[in-house]
Structure formats: C-alpha cells, structure tokens
Amino acid sequence: MVADWSFLTNHGRALVCITHDPGVRQRDIATTLGITERTTYGIIVDLTEAGYVVKDRDGRRNRYRVQAHLPLRGAVGRELPIGELLDLLVGANTRSAGSDQGAPR
C-alpha cells in the first residue's frame, strides 16, 4: 500500500503551479493541489509576504512573478536559489521565463 504523502509541501507545489503558469487562478491551484481556495489564498499570502512571489493585478486577474534568485527556505547544505529547484520541477529555465533574477525591486 502506498502512503498518501508528497515530497513537497503545498507551498512548494503552489509555487510550481505559479512558475508553470504565472496567470494561474487560485481556484485552479486549489483544484490541482486538492485543497480549498481559502487554503490556497493563505499559501499565496505566505509566499508573497516571504518575497518569493510578487502579485500584480492584470484587469480582474492576478499575475505572479517568482523571485527565483531568493534562497530556498530551510535548505540543508548549500543555499540554493529557489529558481534552481523550480527549473528541475517545472522543466523550464526560470531565468528566461519571465521570473526576476536581479536584485529585488
């Protein structure tokens, strides 16, 4: 029997969703992760307050920018920028996919 767990937290999984589609709706993140929209909202608040995600208003929707240059929280060993992990998980190069790589604004 396989246990029902994941290597990534819901915060990490939400960040992967946002990296894959910067215009993703909270409803879609919730559906993908199997969590409530309220929980998704809290996760996005956590990610924006920590500086990993910048939320921009685009009409009635939000667009997100991942701050890929920031270090991975709680990393063991060398401090990896979050973008390196996202590159592995999403299969894209966050440095050229519209994520910010320079100094914070």
Protein backbone atom coordinates (compact mmCIF):
# COMPACT_ATOMS: atom_id res chain seq x y z
CA MET A 1 0.00 0.00 0.00
CA VAL A 2 1.34 3.42 -0.97
CA ALA A 3 1.05 6.17 1.62
CA ASP A 4 -0.74 9.40 0.68
CA TRP A 5 2.05 11.99 1.01
CA SER A 6 4.29 14.19 -1.09
CA PHE A 7 7.92 15.26 -1.04
CA LEU A 8 6.81 18.87 -1.48
CA THR A 9 4.61 20.90 0.84
CA ASN A 10 1.53 22.61 -0.54
CA HIS A 11 3.57 25.84 -0.53
CA GLY A 12 6.16 24.23 -2.80
CA ARG A 13 3.52 22.68 -5.02
CA ALA A 14 1.69 26.03 -5.34
CA LEU A 15 4.97 27.69 -6.30
CA VAL A 16 5.43 25.08 -9.03
CA CYS A 17 1.91 25.85 -10.33
CA ILE A 18 2.68 29.58 -10.37
CA THR A 19 6.03 29.02 -12.10
CA HIS A 20 4.36 26.87 -14.74
CA ASP A 21 1.59 29.45 -15.35
CA PRO A 22 2.08 32.97 -13.91
CA GLY A 23 -1.56 33.77 -14.69
CA VAL A 24 -2.97 30.74 -12.90
CA ARG A 25 -6.15 31.32 -10.87
CA GLN A 26 -6.29 30.46 -7.18
CA ARG A 27 -9.23 28.18 -7.97
CA ASP A 28 -7.06 26.22 -10.41
CA ILE A 29 -4.22 25.91 -7.90
CA ALA A 30 -6.71 24.64 -5.31
CA THR A 31 -8.10 22.06 -7.73
CA THR A 32 -4.64 20.90 -8.79
CA LEU A 33 -3.45 20.51 -5.19
CA GLY A 34 -6.70 19.13 -3.82
CA ILE A 35 -7.05 21.90 -1.23
CA THR A 36 -9.60 24.65 -0.60
CA GLU A 37 -9.45 28.07 -2.24
CA ARG A 38 -9.13 29.60 1.23
CA THR A 39 -6.05 27.48 1.93
CA THR A 40 -4.65 28.44 -1.47
CA TYR A 41 -5.21 32.12 -0.66
CA GLY A 42 -3.27 31.69 2.61
CA ILE A 43 -0.40 29.95 0.81
CA ILE A 44 -0.17 32.77 -1.75
CA VAL A 45 -0.19 35.34 1.07
CA ASP A 46 2.66 33.42 2.75
CA LEU A 47 4.66 33.28 -0.49
CA THR A 48 4.16 36.99 -1.21
CA GLU A 49 4.96 38.06 2.37
CA ALA A 50 8.15 35.96 2.25
CA GLY A 51 9.07 37.70 -1.02
CA TYR A 52 9.07 34.58 -3.21
CA VAL A 53 6.14 35.79 -5.30
CA VAL A 54 5.18 39.28 -6.44
CA LYS A 55 1.48 39.64 -7.25
CA ASP A 56 0.47 42.10 -9.97
CA ARG A 57 -3.10 42.99 -10.89
CA ASP A 58 -3.94 42.37 -14.56
CA GLY A 59 -7.53 43.54 -15.06
CA ARG A 60 -9.69 41.31 -12.87
CA ARG A 61 -6.98 38.66 -12.53
CA ASN A 62 -3.64 38.39 -10.81
CA ARG A 63 -0.34 37.62 -12.48
CA TYR A 64 2.52 36.34 -10.41
CA ARG A 65 6.27 36.81 -10.71
CA VAL A 66 8.50 34.30 -8.94
CA GLN A 67 11.60 35.81 -7.36
CA ALA A 68 13.80 32.91 -8.46
CA HIS A 69 17.00 34.45 -7.12
CA LEU A 70 15.92 34.12 -3.47
CA PRO A 71 17.40 31.29 -1.41
CA LEU A 72 15.36 28.19 -0.66
CA ARG A 73 13.96 28.37 2.89
CA GLY A 74 15.23 25.78 5.30
CA ALA A 75 17.73 24.40 2.81
CA VAL A 76 20.11 21.77 4.06
CA GLY A 77 23.63 22.21 2.82
CA ARG A 78 24.44 24.94 0.34
CA GLU A 79 21.95 27.76 -0.13
CA LEU A 80 20.19 27.14 -3.44
CA PRO A 81 18.24 29.88 -5.16
CA ILE A 82 14.58 28.82 -5.43
CA GLY A 83 14.87 29.11 -9.22
CA GLU A 84 17.26 26.14 -9.40
CA LEU A 85 14.72 23.89 -7.70
CA LEU A 86 11.89 25.23 -9.86
CA ASP A 87 13.96 24.61 -13.00
CA LEU A 88 14.15 20.93 -12.02
CA LEU A 89 10.48 20.62 -11.10
CA VAL A 90 8.93 22.56 -13.96
CA GLY A 91 11.42 21.57 -16.63
CA ALA A 92 11.95 25.17 -17.67
CA ASN A 93 14.61 27.77 -17.13
CA THR A 94 13.10 30.33 -14.74
CA ARG A 95 15.88 32.72 -15.64
CA SER A 96 14.41 33.17 -19.12
CA ALA A 97 10.72 32.51 -18.33
CA GLY A 98 9.94 35.98 -17.02
CA SER A 99 10.99 35.46 -13.41
CA ASP A 100 13.03 38.15 -11.75
CA GLN A 101 16.68 37.27 -11.36
CA GLY A 102 18.28 40.55 -10.42
CA ALA A 103 18.14 42.49 -7.21
CA PRO A 104 14.75 42.89 -5.56
CA ARG A 105 12.79 45.95 -6.65
